[in-house]
């Protein structure tokens, strides 16, 4: 397992790709929408979202600078499985 902080400011584009690992996102601060496999979810402080390995996902519509704790299991590998456009 590995973990880190992900920051996304208002107006920035989330350019992360699809990962080989399962992920757990826990929102520490901010507001946004997270689309996972085509399903949109409004997220804010305290939100926790699981994203299975290989599933397309992206943060967007950030209305307040976003800070998210992200946990990968197993530990994050050297790069994404696929790069999302």
N, C-alpha and C. Protein backbone atom coordinates (compact mmCIF):
# COMPACT_ATOMS: atom_id res chain seq x y z
N UNK A 1 0.84 -1.15 0.00
CA UNK A 1 0.00 0.00 0.00
C UNK A 1 0.90 1.23 0.00
N UNK A 2 0.41 2.30 -0.65
CA UNK A 2 1.10 3.59 -0.62
C UNK A 2 0.05 4.68 -0.52
N UNK A 3 0.48 5.87 -0.14
CA UNK A 3 -0.47 6.97 0.04
C UNK A 3 0.19 8.28 -0.31
N UNK A 4 -0.65 9.28 -0.55
CA UNK A 4 -0.14 10.61 -0.84
C UNK A 4 -1.28 11.61 -0.79
N UNK A 5 -0.92 12.87 -1.00
CA UNK A 5 -1.91 13.94 -1.07
C UNK A 5 -2.02 14.39 -2.52
N UNK A 6 -3.25 14.63 -2.94
CA UNK A 6 -3.51 15.11 -4.29
C UNK A 6 -4.20 16.46 -4.17
N UNK A 7 -3.63 17.47 -4.83
CA UNK A 7 -4.18 18.83 -4.79
C UNK A 7 -4.68 19.19 -6.18
N UNK A 8 -5.84 19.81 -6.25
CA UNK A 8 -6.37 20.28 -7.52
C UNK A 8 -7.06 21.62 -7.25
N UNK A 9 -6.50 22.68 -7.80
CA UNK A 9 -7.03 24.02 -7.59
C UNK A 9 -8.22 24.27 -8.51
N UNK A 10 -9.06 25.23 -8.10
CA UNK A 10 -10.18 25.65 -8.94
C UNK A 10 -9.63 26.02 -10.32
N UNK A 11 -10.29 25.53 -11.37
CA UNK A 11 -9.90 25.83 -12.74
C UNK A 11 -8.85 24.91 -13.33
N UNK A 12 -8.24 24.05 -12.52
CA UNK A 12 -7.23 23.12 -13.03
C UNK A 12 -7.90 21.87 -13.58
N UNK A 13 -7.22 21.20 -14.50
CA UNK A 13 -7.74 19.98 -15.12
C UNK A 13 -7.04 18.77 -14.49
N UNK A 14 -7.82 17.78 -14.11
CA UNK A 14 -7.30 16.53 -13.55
C UNK A 14 -6.78 15.69 -14.71
N UNK A 15 -5.49 15.48 -14.78
CA UNK A 15 -4.89 14.75 -15.91
C UNK A 15 -4.42 13.35 -15.52
N UNK A 16 -4.87 12.84 -14.39
CA UNK A 16 -4.42 11.51 -14.00
C UNK A 16 -4.99 10.45 -14.95
N UNK A 17 -4.28 9.36 -15.06
CA UNK A 17 -4.72 8.26 -15.90
C UNK A 17 -5.35 7.16 -15.07
N UNK A 18 -5.70 6.10 -15.74
CA UNK A 18 -6.26 4.92 -15.08
C UNK A 18 -5.11 4.17 -14.41
N UNK A 19 -5.33 3.73 -13.17
CA UNK A 19 -4.25 3.10 -12.39
C UNK A 19 -4.38 1.58 -12.34
N UNK A 20 -3.26 0.93 -12.10
CA UNK A 20 -3.21 -0.53 -11.96
C UNK A 20 -3.66 -0.98 -10.56
N UNK A 21 -3.72 -0.02 -9.62
CA UNK A 21 -4.02 -0.34 -8.23
C UNK A 21 -5.43 0.12 -7.85
N UNK A 22 -6.00 -0.53 -6.85
CA UNK A 22 -7.23 -0.01 -6.24
C UNK A 22 -6.86 1.29 -5.54
N UNK A 23 -7.84 2.22 -5.47
CA UNK A 23 -7.59 3.50 -4.82
C UNK A 23 -8.72 3.83 -3.86
N UNK A 24 -8.37 4.51 -2.80
CA UNK A 24 -9.35 5.08 -1.89
C UNK A 24 -9.03 6.56 -1.78
N UNK A 25 -10.01 7.39 -2.11
CA UNK A 25 -9.88 8.84 -1.98
C UNK A 25 -10.65 9.29 -0.75
N UNK A 26 -10.01 10.12 0.08
CA UNK A 26 -10.68 10.74 1.23
C UNK A 26 -10.47 12.24 1.08
N UNK A 27 -11.57 12.98 0.93
CA UNK A 27 -11.49 14.42 0.73
C UNK A 27 -11.23 15.11 2.07
N UNK A 28 -10.13 15.86 2.12
CA UNK A 28 -9.76 16.60 3.33
C UNK A 28 -10.34 18.01 3.32
N UNK A 29 -10.34 18.63 2.13
CA UNK A 29 -10.97 19.94 1.99
C UNK A 29 -11.30 20.17 0.52
N UNK A 30 -12.22 21.08 0.28
CA UNK A 30 -12.61 21.44 -1.08
C UNK A 30 -13.91 20.78 -1.51
N UNK A 31 -14.33 21.17 -2.70
CA UNK A 31 -15.58 20.67 -3.30
C UNK A 31 -15.32 20.40 -4.77
N UNK A 32 -15.86 19.31 -5.28
CA UNK A 32 -15.70 18.97 -6.69
C UNK A 32 -16.70 17.89 -7.06
N UNK A 33 -16.63 17.47 -8.31
CA UNK A 33 -17.35 16.30 -8.77
C UNK A 33 -16.31 15.27 -9.18
N UNK A 34 -16.55 14.02 -8.83
CA UNK A 34 -15.69 12.91 -9.23
C UNK A 34 -16.53 11.97 -10.08
N UNK A 35 -16.08 11.76 -11.31
CA UNK A 35 -16.75 10.80 -12.18
C UNK A 35 -15.98 9.49 -12.14
N UNK A 36 -16.68 8.40 -11.81
CA UNK A 36 -16.09 7.07 -11.74
C UNK A 36 -16.92 6.17 -12.64
N UNK A 37 -16.28 5.62 -13.68
CA UNK A 37 -16.96 4.73 -14.62
C UNK A 37 -18.28 5.35 -15.12
N UNK A 38 -18.23 6.65 -15.42
CA UNK A 38 -19.39 7.35 -15.97
C UNK A 38 -20.40 7.85 -14.94
N UNK A 39 -20.24 7.49 -13.67
CA UNK A 39 -21.16 7.93 -12.62
C UNK A 39 -20.57 9.14 -11.91
N UNK A 40 -21.33 10.24 -11.86
CA UNK A 40 -20.86 11.46 -11.22
C UNK A 40 -21.28 11.51 -9.77
N UNK A 41 -20.33 11.92 -8.92
CA UNK A 41 -20.58 12.05 -7.48
C UNK A 41 -20.06 13.41 -7.02
N UNK A 42 -20.88 14.16 -6.34
CA UNK A 42 -20.45 15.42 -5.72
C UNK A 42 -19.70 15.06 -4.45
N UNK A 43 -18.50 15.61 -4.26
CA UNK A 43 -17.68 15.27 -3.10
C UNK A 43 -17.27 16.52 -2.34
N UNK A 44 -17.02 16.35 -1.04
CA UNK A 44 -16.56 17.43 -0.18
C UNK A 44 -15.87 16.84 1.03
N UNK A 45 -15.49 17.67 1.98
CA UNK A 45 -14.76 17.19 3.16
C UNK A 45 -15.46 16.01 3.83
N UNK A 46 -14.69 14.96 4.06
CA UNK A 46 -15.22 13.74 4.68
C UNK A 46 -15.69 12.70 3.69
N UNK A 47 -15.87 13.06 2.42
CA UNK A 47 -16.27 12.07 1.41
C UNK A 47 -15.15 11.05 1.23
N UNK A 48 -15.52 9.79 1.09
CA UNK A 48 -14.57 8.71 0.80
C UNK A 48 -15.11 7.93 -0.38
N UNK A 49 -14.27 7.73 -1.39
CA UNK A 49 -14.69 7.05 -2.61
C UNK A 49 -13.66 5.99 -2.97
N UNK A 50 -14.13 4.79 -3.23
CA UNK A 50 -13.29 3.69 -3.68
C UNK A 50 -13.33 3.64 -5.21
N UNK A 51 -12.16 3.47 -5.83
CA UNK A 51 -12.06 3.29 -7.28
C UNK A 51 -11.25 2.03 -7.53
N UNK A 52 -11.86 1.05 -8.16
CA UNK A 52 -11.18 -0.22 -8.46
C UNK A 52 -10.10 -0.02 -9.51
N UNK A 53 -9.10 -0.87 -9.46
CA UNK A 53 -8.02 -0.84 -10.46
C UNK A 53 -8.60 -0.93 -11.86
N UNK A 54 -8.04 -0.14 -12.78
CA UNK A 54 -8.44 -0.19 -14.18
C UNK A 54 -9.71 0.57 -14.52
N UNK A 55 -10.31 1.26 -13.55
CA UNK A 55 -11.55 2.00 -13.79
C UNK A 55 -11.24 3.47 -14.07
N UNK A 56 -11.81 4.00 -15.15
CA UNK A 56 -11.60 5.40 -15.50
C UNK A 56 -12.28 6.30 -14.46
N UNK A 57 -11.57 7.36 -14.08
CA UNK A 57 -12.10 8.30 -13.09
C UNK A 57 -11.41 9.64 -13.26
N UNK A 58 -12.12 10.71 -12.86
CA UNK A 58 -11.56 12.04 -13.02
C UNK A 58 -12.30 13.02 -12.12
N UNK A 59 -11.54 13.92 -11.47
CA UNK A 59 -12.12 15.02 -10.72
C UNK A 59 -12.40 16.16 -11.69
N UNK A 60 -13.50 16.85 -11.51
CA UNK A 60 -13.82 18.02 -12.34
C UNK A 60 -14.80 18.91 -11.59
N UNK A 61 -15.14 20.03 -12.19
CA UNK A 61 -16.07 20.99 -11.58
C UNK A 61 -15.63 21.34 -10.16
N UNK A 62 -14.35 21.63 -10.00
CA UNK A 62 -13.79 22.00 -8.69
C UNK A 62 -14.27 23.41 -8.36
N UNK A 63 -15.04 23.55 -7.28
CA UNK A 63 -15.57 24.85 -6.89
C UNK A 63 -14.83 25.44 -5.70
N UNK A 64 -14.01 24.63 -5.04
CA UNK A 64 -13.18 25.07 -3.91
C UNK A 64 -11.94 24.19 -3.95
N UNK A 65 -10.74 24.80 -3.89
CA UNK A 65 -9.50 24.03 -4.02
C UNK A 65 -9.59 22.70 -3.28
N UNK A 66 -9.24 21.63 -3.98
CA UNK A 66 -9.42 20.27 -3.51
C UNK A 66 -8.12 19.71 -2.93
N UNK A 67 -8.20 19.09 -1.77
CA UNK A 67 -7.08 18.36 -1.18
C UNK A 67 -7.60 16.99 -0.78
N UNK A 68 -7.01 15.96 -1.34
CA UNK A 68 -7.50 14.60 -1.17
C UNK A 68 -6.36 13.68 -0.73
N UNK A 69 -6.62 12.88 0.29
CA UNK A 69 -5.71 11.79 0.66
C UNK A 69 -6.04 10.63 -0.26
N UNK A 70 -5.03 10.09 -0.93
CA UNK A 70 -5.24 8.95 -1.82
C UNK A 70 -4.39 7.79 -1.33
N UNK A 71 -5.02 6.62 -1.23
CA UNK A 71 -4.35 5.40 -0.79
C UNK A 71 -4.43 4.39 -1.93
N UNK A 72 -3.29 3.85 -2.33
CA UNK A 72 -3.21 2.84 -3.38
C UNK A 72 -2.92 1.48 -2.74
N UNK A 73 -3.58 0.44 -3.25
CA UNK A 73 -3.29 -0.92 -2.78
C UNK A 73 -3.38 -1.87 -3.97
N UNK A 74 -2.32 -2.65 -4.22
CA UNK A 74 -1.02 -2.59 -3.55
C UNK A 74 -0.34 -1.25 -3.84
N UNK A 75 0.88 -1.08 -3.38
CA UNK A 75 1.61 0.18 -3.56
C UNK A 75 1.60 0.60 -5.02
N UNK A 76 1.51 1.91 -5.23
CA UNK A 76 1.47 2.46 -6.59
C UNK A 76 2.69 2.01 -7.38
N UNK A 77 2.46 1.60 -8.65
CA UNK A 77 3.55 1.16 -9.51
C UNK A 77 4.20 2.36 -10.19
N UNK A 78 4.99 2.12 -11.17
CA UNK A 78 5.77 3.18 -11.82
C UNK A 78 4.94 4.11 -12.70
N UNK A 79 3.73 3.75 -13.05
CA UNK A 79 2.95 4.62 -13.92
C UNK A 79 1.55 4.13 -14.10
N UNK A 80 0.73 4.93 -14.79
CA UNK A 80 -0.66 4.57 -15.00
C UNK A 80 -0.79 3.42 -15.99
N UNK A 81 -1.88 2.70 -15.86
CA UNK A 81 -2.22 1.63 -16.81
C UNK A 81 -2.51 2.24 -18.17
N UNK A 82 -3.29 3.30 -18.19
CA UNK A 82 -3.64 4.02 -19.41
C UNK A 82 -3.63 5.50 -19.09
N UNK A 83 -3.36 6.32 -20.07
CA UNK A 83 -3.44 7.76 -19.87
C UNK A 83 -4.77 8.23 -20.40
N UNK A 84 -5.54 8.91 -19.57
CA UNK A 84 -6.82 9.46 -19.99
C UNK A 84 -6.56 10.76 -20.73
N UNK A 85 -7.41 11.08 -21.68
CA UNK A 85 -7.26 12.34 -22.44
C UNK A 85 -7.61 13.53 -21.60
